């Protein structure tokens, strides 16, 4: 049983790494693609660590959806929203079913997803390529993660490793403290 959980965790980790390290593609903005992108993006929003907007960026449809919102393009928004609705209803049912029948394996997979998605929020990065939006603002398109000392060496900036470690420990202590308070309150109520 432990082996199955370890495999489930490894699959979640591998899936998150694959998603977060994937290079963006450019899909066409036809109705079927927008519908499927809506279903996939909203499903990603349910999963821990994966952003629906990031999925749209990977699919090359983020500017299309954002443009439809800004211009109130009802046709595009209706197709995308229908995909979101179907994705939300079907994926939430699937996730509930998995949690009811295979709770430990599903939780191990979700823990792997969260750990693997940390690659995306790794603070020490080198930007390889930039993209400029229509307002002339540049933002990183492709980045590579660096170790803190590599970051300091390449950029010449302080990596602030001690601050990052201290804040991480504070976050861990905060989560454990909230869990402890919740359990204590549960005991008092019972």
Foldseek 3Di string as FASTA:
>chain_A
DVVLLVVLLVLLLVVLLCLLQQAADEDDLDLVVLLQLLLVLLLQVVAPLGHSLSSCRSHNNNVVVVVCVVVVVVVSVVSSVNSNVVNVVVSVVVLVVCCVPPVSSSVSSSNSNNVNSVQNVQPQKDADDWDADPVRDIDGRHIDHDDLVVSCVVVVDHSPVVVVVVVVVVVVVVVVVVVVVVVVVVVVVD
